[in-house]
Amino acid sequence: IGKGITIQNSEVSFLTPVATGDQSVRSGGLALPKTDVHLSPITIDNLKTMYKEHPEIVKLNNMSLCAKHTSFYVPGNNANSAYRHPAVYDKSNSTCYMLYVAA
């Protein structure tokens, strides 16, 4: 079960990176901004390669694998936070997207 999100500015896709710095909040979408380590978007094949040492993770169905991948990342350095990034799985191209939604 998921949640529906409507972006009011119809010219912006949820796959547009979130606005950062001096950018207008309305100019951004919900995609994770660029990071030093590539976290998103990532194909399911790449996730299976990434977690190949963890067969219990690799055997998950694609949507669950995507959700599990995003659940491993905690915002900031707060290891005690219960917040986890939401995920979007696009089955048309077998790609997992980690969204950047403020807690």
Foldseek 3Di string as FASTA:
>chain_A
DDDDDDLPPVVEDLCFAQDDDPDDRSVGHFFHPDDPDDLPWDALVVLCVVCVVPVVLNPDPLVSNLQVSQQVDDPDPPPVDPDTFDWDADPVRRIITTTHDDD
